C-alpha atoms as a PDB file:
ATOM      1  CA  MET A   1     -18.868  41.137-167.229  1.00  0.00           C
ATOM      2  CA  LYS A   2     -18.723  42.291-163.622  1.00  0.00           C
ATOM      3  CA  CYS A   3     -16.000  41.472-161.122  1.00  0.00           C
ATOM      4  CA  LYS A   4     -16.655  38.593-158.735  1.00  0.00           C
ATOM      5  CA  TYR A   5     -15.599  40.601-155.676  1.00  0.00           C
ATOM      6  CA  HIS A   6     -16.549  44.125-156.848  1.00  0.00           C
ATOM      7  CA  PRO A   7     -19.980  43.957-158.549  1.00  0.00           C
ATOM      8  CA  ASN A   8     -19.825  47.604-159.641  1.00  0.00           C
ATOM      9  CA  ALA A   9     -16.468  47.209-161.422  1.00  0.00           C
ATOM     10  CA  GLU A  10     -15.932  45.753-164.875  1.00  0.00           C
ATOM     11  CA  ALA A  11     -13.888  42.567-165.048  1.00  0.00           C
ATOM     12  CA  GLN A  12     -10.786  42.681-167.227  1.00  0.00           C
ATOM     13  CA  ALA A  13      -9.365  39.211-166.641  1.00  0.00           C
ATOM     14  CA  LEU A  14     -10.143  35.709-165.424  1.00  0.00           C
ATOM     15  CA  CYS A  15      -8.375  34.131-162.486  1.00  0.00           C
ATOM     16  CA  GLU A  16      -6.256  31.227-163.751  1.00  0.00           C
ATOM     17  CA  LYS A  17      -7.128  29.156-160.679  1.00  0.00           C
ATOM     18  CA  CYS A  18     -10.808  29.755-159.796  1.00  0.00           C
ATOM     19  CA  ARG A  19     -11.799  31.055-163.292  1.00  0.00           C
ATOM     20  CA  ASN A  20     -13.778  33.932-161.761  1.00  0.00           C
ATOM     21  CA  PRO A  21     -13.885  37.327-163.475  1.00  0.00           C
ATOM     22  CA  ILE A  22     -11.782  39.903-161.652  1.00  0.00           C
ATOM     23  CA  CYS A  23     -11.211  43.636-161.964  1.00  0.00           C
ATOM     24  CA  PRO A  24      -7.780  45.330-162.079  1.00  0.00           C
ATOM     25  CA  GLU A  25      -7.931  45.963-158.318  1.00  0.00           C
ATOM     26  CA  CYS A  26      -8.267  42.234-157.601  1.00  0.00           C
ATOM     27  CA  THR A  27      -5.765  41.105-160.236  1.00  0.00           C
ATOM     28  CA  LEU A  28      -2.221  40.068-159.380  1.00  0.00           C
ATOM     29  CA  GLN A  29       0.138  38.817-162.070  1.00  0.00           C
ATOM     30  CA  ILE A  30       2.533  36.069-161.023  1.00  0.00           C
ATOM     31  CA  ASP A  31       4.743  34.552-163.749  1.00  0.00           C
ATOM     32  CA  GLY A  32       2.445  36.020-166.397  1.00  0.00           C
ATOM     33  CA  GLN A  33      -0.690  34.472-164.877  1.00  0.00           C
ATOM     34  CA  ASN A  34      -3.633  36.467-163.558  1.00  0.00           C
ATOM     35  CA  LEU A  35      -4.620  35.448-160.042  1.00  0.00           C
ATOM     36  CA  CYS A  36      -7.102  36.926-157.567  1.00  0.00           C
ATOM     37  CA  HIS A  37      -6.430  37.859-153.958  1.00  0.00           C
ATOM     38  CA  GLN A  38      -8.616  35.078-152.590  1.00  0.00           C
ATOM     39  CA  CYS A  39      -6.743  32.307-154.383  1.00  0.00           C
ATOM     40  CA  ILE A  40      -3.372  33.700-153.340  1.00  0.00           C
ATOM     41  CA  GLN A  41      -4.462  33.901-149.687  1.00  0.00           C
ATOM     42  CA  LYS A  42      -5.840  30.365-149.760  1.00  0.00           C
ATOM     43  CA  ASN A  43      -2.610  29.002-151.211  1.00  0.00           C
ATOM     44  CA  LEU A  44      -0.473  30.899-148.703  1.00  0.00           C
ATOM     45  CA  PHE A  45      -2.425  29.785-145.635  1.00  0.00           C
ATOM     46  CA  SER A  46      -2.737  26.209-146.876  1.00  0.00           C
ATOM     47  CA  GLU A  47       1.063  25.937-146.953  1.00  0.00           C
ATOM     48  CA  LEU A  48       1.489  27.194-143.384  1.00  0.00           C
ATOM     49  CA  PRO A  49       2.143  24.440-140.821  1.00  0.00           C
ATOM     50  CA  PRO A  50      -0.614  23.899-138.254  1.00  0.00           C
ATOM     51  CA  LYS A  51      -0.139  25.546-134.886  1.00  0.00           C
ATOM     52  CA  ASN A  52       1.041  23.254-132.150  1.00  0.00           C
ATOM     53  CA  LYS A  53      -1.447  23.476-129.316  1.00  0.00           C
ATOM     54  CA  SER A  54      -0.084  22.896-125.854  1.00  0.00           C
ATOM     55  CA  SER A  55      -1.437  19.877-124.057  1.00  0.00           C
ATOM     56  CA  LEU A  56      -3.038  20.052-120.637  1.00  0.00           C
ATOM     57  CA  SER A  57       0.061  18.637-118.967  1.00  0.00           C
ATOM     58  CA  GLU A  58       2.311  21.225-120.652  1.00  0.00           C
ATOM     59  CA  LYS A  59       0.006  24.044-119.518  1.00  0.00           C
ATOM     60  CA  PHE A  60       0.041  22.694-115.972  1.00  0.00           C
ATOM     61  CA  ILE A  61       3.852  22.414-115.934  1.00  0.00           C
ATOM     62  CA  PHE A  62       4.172  25.963-117.254  1.00  0.00           C
ATOM     63  CA  PHE A  63       1.764  27.234-114.599  1.00  0.00           C
ATOM     64  CA  CYS A  64       3.815  25.542-111.872  1.00  0.00           C
ATOM     65  CA  THR A  65       7.075  27.004-113.180  1.00  0.00           C
ATOM     66  CA  SER A  66       5.500  30.465-113.437  1.00  0.00           C
ATOM     67  CA  LEU A  67       4.962  30.375-109.671  1.00  0.00           C
ATOM     68  CA  ILE A  68       8.757  30.507-109.219  1.00  0.00           C
ATOM     69  CA  PRO A  69      10.246  33.878-110.265  1.00  0.00           C
ATOM     70  CA  GLY A  70      12.323  33.378-113.410  1.00  0.00           C
ATOM     71  CA  ALA A  71      11.654  29.647-113.856  1.00  0.00           C
ATOM     72  CA  ALA A  72       9.034  30.083-116.601  1.00  0.00           C
ATOM     73  CA  HIS A  73      11.348  32.476-118.449  1.00  0.00           C
ATOM     74  CA  MET A  74      14.071  29.813-118.415  1.00  0.00           C
ATOM     75  CA  GLN A  75      11.598  27.253-119.735  1.00  0.00           C
ATOM     76  CA  MET A  76      10.904  29.532-122.719  1.00  0.00           C
ATOM     77  CA  GLY A  77      14.628  29.940-123.382  1.00  0.00           C
ATOM     78  CA  LEU A  78      15.021  33.382-121.796  1.00  0.00           C
ATOM     79  CA  MET A  79      17.842  32.196-119.565  1.00  0.00           C
ATOM     80  CA  ARG A  80      19.435  35.580-118.840  1.00  0.00           C
ATOM     81  CA  ARG A  81      16.187  37.320-117.861  1.00  0.00           C
ATOM     82  CA  GLY A  82      14.972  34.326-115.866  1.00  0.00           C
ATOM     83  CA  LEU A  83      18.247  34.043-113.957  1.00  0.00           C
ATOM     84  CA  GLN A  84      18.178  37.751-113.085  1.00  0.00           C
ATOM     85  CA  LEU A  85      14.603  37.498-111.776  1.00  0.00           C
ATOM     86  CA  MET A  86      15.494  34.457-109.685  1.00  0.00           C
ATOM     87  CA  ILE A  87      18.623  36.099-108.260  1.00  0.00           C
ATOM     88  CA  LEU A  88      16.643  39.259-107.461  1.00  0.00           C
ATOM     89  CA  ALA A  89      13.917  37.378-105.585  1.00  0.00           C
ATOM     90  CA  LEU A  90      16.160  34.947-103.709  1.00  0.00           C
ATOM     91  CA  GLY A  91      19.088  37.334-103.257  1.00  0.00           C
ATOM     92  CA  VAL A  92      16.936  39.922-101.510  1.00  0.00           C
ATOM     93  CA  CYS A  93      15.764  37.273 -99.038  1.00  0.00           C
ATOM     94  CA  VAL A  94      19.325  36.200 -98.239  1.00  0.00           C
ATOM     95  CA  ILE A  95      20.766  39.723 -97.948  1.00  0.00           C
ATOM     96  CA  ALA A  96      17.830  41.124 -95.962  1.00  0.00           C
ATOM     97  CA  ASP A  97      17.975  38.203 -93.553  1.00  0.00           C
ATOM     98  CA  TYR A  98      21.740  38.591 -93.165  1.00  0.00           C
ATOM     99  CA  ILE A  99      21.544  42.289 -92.255  1.00  0.00           C
ATOM    100  CA  ASN A 100      18.461  41.758 -90.071  1.00  0.00           C
ATOM    101  CA  LEU A 101      16.079  43.719 -92.296  1.00  0.00           C
ATOM    102  CA  ASP A 102      13.457  41.024 -92.730  1.00  0.00           C
ATOM    103  CA  PHE A 103      10.635  43.531 -93.101  1.00  0.00           C
ATOM    104  CA  PHE A 104      12.114  44.628 -96.469  1.00  0.00           C
ATOM    105  CA  ILE A 105      11.614  41.164 -97.978  1.00  0.00           C
ATOM    106  CA  PRO A 106       7.885  41.544 -98.836  1.00  0.00           C
ATOM    107  CA  LEU A 107       8.507  45.001-100.331  1.00  0.00           C
ATOM    108  CA  ILE A 108      10.813  43.496-102.973  1.00  0.00           C
ATOM    109  CA  VAL A 109       9.775  39.852-103.321  1.00  0.00           C
ATOM    110  CA  ILE A 110       6.008  40.377-103.729  1.00  0.00           C
ATOM    111  CA  PRO A 111       6.266  42.899-106.632  1.00  0.00           C
ATOM    112  CA  THR A 112       8.982  40.748-108.234  1.00  0.00           C
ATOM    113  CA  TRP A 113       6.774  37.652-107.995  1.00  0.00           C
ATOM    114  CA  PHE A 114       3.767  39.364-109.596  1.00  0.00           C
ATOM    115  CA  PHE A 115       5.953  40.864-112.329  1.00  0.00           C
ATOM    116  CA  SER A 116       7.527  37.501-113.142  1.00  0.00           C
ATOM    117  CA  PHE A 117       4.189  35.651-113.075  1.00  0.00           C
ATOM    118  CA  PHE A 118       2.246  37.962-115.376  1.00  0.00           C
ATOM    119  CA  GLU A 119       5.153  38.667-117.712  1.00  0.00           C
ATOM    120  CA  SER A 120       5.810  34.947-118.219  1.00  0.00           C
ATOM    121  CA  HIS A 121       2.183  34.351-119.265  1.00  0.00           C
ATOM    122  CA  SER A 122       2.289  37.404-121.540  1.00  0.00           C
ATOM    123  CA  LEU A 123       5.477  36.155-123.188  1.00  0.00           C
ATOM    124  CA  LYS A 124       3.924  32.704-123.556  1.00  0.00           C
ATOM    125  CA  ARG A 125       0.983  34.185-125.491  1.00  0.00           C
ATOM    126  CA  ARG A 126       3.336  36.188-127.692  1.00  0.00           C
ATOM    127  CA  MET A 127       5.354  33.061-128.423  1.00  0.00           C
ATOM    128  CA  ALA A 128       2.155  31.182-129.336  1.00  0.00           C
ATOM    129  CA  GLU A 129       1.301  33.982-131.790  1.00  0.00           C
ATOM    130  CA  GLY A 130       4.636  33.461-133.529  1.00  0.00           C
ATOM    131  CA  GLN A 131       6.455  36.522-132.210  1.00  0.00           C
ATOM    132  CA  LEU A 132      10.199  36.330-131.690  1.00  0.00           C
ATOM    133  CA  LEU A 133      11.222  36.816-128.057  1.00  0.00           C
ATOM    134  CA  CYS A 134      14.529  38.480-127.213  1.00  0.00           C
ATOM    135  CA  ASP A 135      16.401  37.655-124.030  1.00  0.00           C
ATOM    136  CA  HIS A 136      16.818  41.225-122.761  1.00  0.00           C
ATOM    137  CA  ASP A 137      18.348  42.094-119.420  1.00  0.00           C
ATOM    138  CA  LEU A 138      15.916  42.801-116.616  1.00  0.00           C
ATOM    139  CA  PHE A 139      17.086  46.398-116.091  1.00  0.00           C
ATOM    140  CA  GLU A 140      17.981  47.157-119.714  1.00  0.00           C
ATOM    141  CA  GLN A 141      14.828  49.262-120.127  1.00  0.00           C
ATOM    142  CA  GLN A 142      14.315  51.071-116.847  1.00  0.00           C
ATOM    143  CA  MET A 143      10.796  51.885-115.719  1.00  0.00           C
ATOM    144  CA  PHE A 144      12.120  54.689-113.522  1.00  0.00           C
ATOM    145  CA  ASP A 145      14.865  57.252-113.922  1.00  0.00           C
ATOM    146  CA  TYR A 146      17.595  56.413-111.426  1.00  0.00           C
ATOM    147  CA  SER A 147      20.092  58.944-112.787  1.00  0.00           C
ATOM    148  CA  LEU A 148      19.161  61.517-110.115  1.00  0.00           C
ATOM    149  CA  LEU A 149      19.876  58.979-107.391  1.00  0.00           C
ATOM    150  CA  PHE A 150      23.376  58.217-108.646  1.00  0.00           C
ATOM    151  CA  LYS A 151      24.252  61.796-109.588  1.00  0.00           C
ATOM    152  CA  ASN A 152      23.225  63.176-106.200  1.00  0.00           C
ATOM    153  CA  ARG A 153      25.491  61.328-103.791  1.00  0.00           C
ATOM    154  CA  ARG A 154      23.813  62.987-100.824  1.00  0.00           C
ATOM    155  CA  ILE A 155      20.522  61.187-101.505  1.00  0.00           C
ATOM    156  CA  LEU A 156      22.330  57.882-102.027  1.00  0.00           C
ATOM    157  CA  GLY A 157      24.299  58.411 -98.827  1.00  0.00           C
ATOM    158  CA  ILE A 158      21.128  59.157 -96.852  1.00  0.00           C
ATOM    159  CA  ILE A 159      19.474  55.966 -98.124  1.00  0.00           C
ATOM    160  CA  ILE A 160      22.514  53.830 -97.262  1.00  0.00           C
ATOM    161  CA  THR A 161      22.791  55.482 -93.836  1.00  0.00           C
ATOM    162  CA  VAL A 162      19.120  54.865 -93.039  1.00  0.00           C
ATOM    163  CA  LEU A 163      19.369  51.211 -94.099  1.00  0.00           C
ATOM    164  CA  GLY A 164      22.515  50.740 -92.042  1.00  0.00           C
ATOM    165  CA  PHE A 165      20.938  52.441 -89.031  1.00  0.00           C
ATOM    166  CA  LEU A 166      17.836  50.236 -89.242  1.00  0.00           C
ATOM    167  CA  SER A 167      20.022  47.143 -89.532  1.00  0.00           C
ATOM    168  CA  LEU A 168      22.085  48.231 -86.513  1.00  0.00           C
ATOM    169  CA  LEU A 169      18.894  48.891 -84.567  1.00  0.00           C
ATOM    170  CA  ARG A 170      17.703  45.341 -85.219  1.00  0.00           C
ATOM    171  CA  VAL A 171      21.042  43.927 -84.043  1.00  0.00           C
ATOM    172  CA  ILE A 172      21.003  46.008 -80.848  1.00  0.00           C
ATOM    173  CA  GLU A 173      17.406  45.025 -80.185  1.00  0.00           C
ATOM    174  CA  ASN A 174      18.337  41.342 -80.144  1.00  0.00           C
ATOM    175  CA  SER A 175      21.305  41.881 -77.826  1.00  0.00           C
ATOM    176  CA  ASP A 176      21.566  42.366 -74.054  1.00  0.00           C
ATOM    177  CA  LEU A 177      22.541  46.014 -74.465  1.00  0.00           C
ATOM    178  CA  VAL A 178      18.908  47.110 -74.600  1.00  0.00           C
ATOM    179  CA  ARG A 179      18.143  45.399 -71.310  1.00  0.00           C
ATOM    180  CA  LEU A 180      21.044  47.238 -69.668  1.00  0.00           C
ATOM    181  CA  LEU A 181      20.141  50.668 -71.031  1.00  0.00           C
ATOM    182  CA  PHE A 182      16.359  50.438 -70.795  1.00  0.00           C
ATOM    183  CA  ARG A 183      14.946  48.742 -67.753  1.00  0.00           C
ATOM    184  CA  ASN A 184      11.489  49.757 -68.853  1.00  0.00           C
ATOM    185  CA  TRP A 185      10.806  48.491 -72.367  1.00  0.00           C
ATOM    186  CA  ASP A 186       8.116  51.122 -72.894  1.00  0.00           C
ATOM    187  CA  TYR A 187      10.765  53.820 -73.229  1.00  0.00           C
ATOM    188  CA  TYR A 188      12.658  51.764 -75.761  1.00  0.00           C
ATOM    189  CA  TYR A 189       9.624  51.102 -77.941  1.00  0.00           C
ATOM    190  CA  MET A 190       8.589  54.756 -77.679  1.00  0.00           C
ATOM    191  CA  LEU A 191      12.054  55.834 -78.842  1.00  0.00           C
ATOM    192  CA  LYS A 192      12.077  53.250 -81.610  1.00  0.00           C
ATOM    193  CA  SER A 193       8.623  54.175 -82.938  1.00  0.00           C
ATOM    194  CA  SER A 194       9.558  57.870 -82.862  1.00  0.00           C
ATOM    195  CA  LEU A 195      12.608  57.519 -85.121  1.00  0.00           C
ATOM    196  CA  ILE A 196      10.737  57.335 -88.432  1.00  0.00           C
ATOM    197  CA  PRO A 197       8.410  60.299 -87.660  1.00  0.00           C
ATOM    198  CA  ILE A 198      11.411  62.360 -86.538  1.00  0.00           C
ATOM    199  CA  LEU A 199      13.261  61.516 -89.764  1.00  0.00           C
ATOM    200  CA  LEU A 200      10.191  62.463 -91.819  1.00  0.00           C
ATOM    201  CA  ILE A 201       9.841  65.790 -89.994  1.00  0.00           C
ATOM    202  CA  LEU A 202      13.535  66.613 -90.458  1.00  0.00           C
ATOM    203  CA  SER A 203      13.354  65.625 -94.141  1.00  0.00           C
ATOM    204  CA  GLY A 204      10.299  67.838 -94.653  1.00  0.00           C
ATOM    205  CA  ILE A 205      11.987  70.806 -92.968  1.00  0.00           C
ATOM    206  CA  TYR A 206      15.089  70.273 -95.100  1.00  0.00           C
ATOM    207  CA  LEU A 207      13.038  70.198 -98.325  1.00  0.00           C
ATOM    208  CA  ILE A 208      11.119  73.363 -97.341  1.00  0.00           C
ATOM    209  CA  VAL A 209      14.322  75.257 -96.518  1.00  0.00           C
ATOM    210  CA  LYS A 210      15.977  74.003 -99.704  1.00  0.00           C
ATOM    211  CA  ALA A 211      12.989  75.072-101.810  1.00  0.00           C
ATOM    212  CA  ARG A 212      13.013  78.562-100.281  1.00  0.00           C
ATOM    213  CA  GLN A 213      16.732  78.913-100.925  1.00  0.00           C
ATOM    214  CA  ASN A 214      16.294  77.893-104.569  1.00  0.00           C
ATOM    215  CA  GLN A 215      13.372  80.296-104.962  1.00  0.00           C
ATOM    216  CA  LYS A 216      15.399  83.138-103.470  1.00  0.00           C
ATOM    217  CA  THR A 217      18.326  82.339-105.753  1.00  0.00           C
ATOM    218  CA  ASN A 218      16.073  82.389-108.828  1.00  0.00           C
ATOM    219  CA  ILE A 219      14.625  85.770-107.780  1.00  0.00           C
ATOM    220  CA  ASP A 220      18.121  87.246-107.332  1.00  0.00           C
ATOM    221  CA  ILE A 221      19.182  85.968-110.747  1.00  0.00           C
ATOM    222  CA  SER A 222      16.096  87.457-112.409  1.00  0.00           C
ATOM    223  CA  ASP A 223      16.732  90.816-110.694  1.00  0.00           C
ATOM    224  CA  ASP A 224      20.321  90.894-111.910  1.00  0.00           C
ATOM    225  CA  GLN A 225      19.175  90.302-115.472  1.00  0.00           C
END
C-alpha cells in the first residue's frame, strides 16, 4: 500500500483520524496514536480564533491619528515612542520660533512627519499579523553615529556658534539697528547672503589644510619606522 501523500513510498501505518495510509515521513505519534501532518495542521488551525478585521470607521480613525506625529503610536499602546515623536515635532516648532530660526522647522518637522506616518502603518500591519510590538525609545537604535559629534567638542561648538549667530542675525534684522547701520538695504542683503558662502569657503580651506597636515604626519611616522 502506497502513502497518501507520497505515492512512491510504502505506507507503514494508518492515520487514526482520516484513515489514510501514511509513510514514516508523514507519521507523527501523539499519545500512542499515528496521525498525519494534514490532520494535525487542520486541528491546529481550526482551534485558532478568527482574526478580528478592522471596520471602516476604525481604519478611518487610525488614518486620521497617523496624520499627527506620535498619535497613532499612542493608539497602538506605544505611549513612550509616540510621546517622543510628538515632543520632537512640536518642540522643534516652539524652540525654533522662540530663537527666530523659523526656516529650520521644515527641515525637522517634515522628515519627522513622514517617519511617524509610515512607521505607524508598518507597525499596524505587524500588529495585525500577530507580532508583538515593543515600546522602544525613539533614539534607542540610532540610524547615524553621533559619537564623533560629541567626542569632538570643536565640531559641536562650531554648530552651536553657527546656530546662535543665525538666531542673532534674525533678531538684529527685525530691530532698528539695521536701519541705523545700513541706509541702503542692498548692502545689508549682500552681506547677509555672503555669510554662508564665506563660511563654506573657510570650512573647505580648513579641511584641506587639516588633511595635508595629517598626511604629512603619517609620512613622517612611516619614515621614522
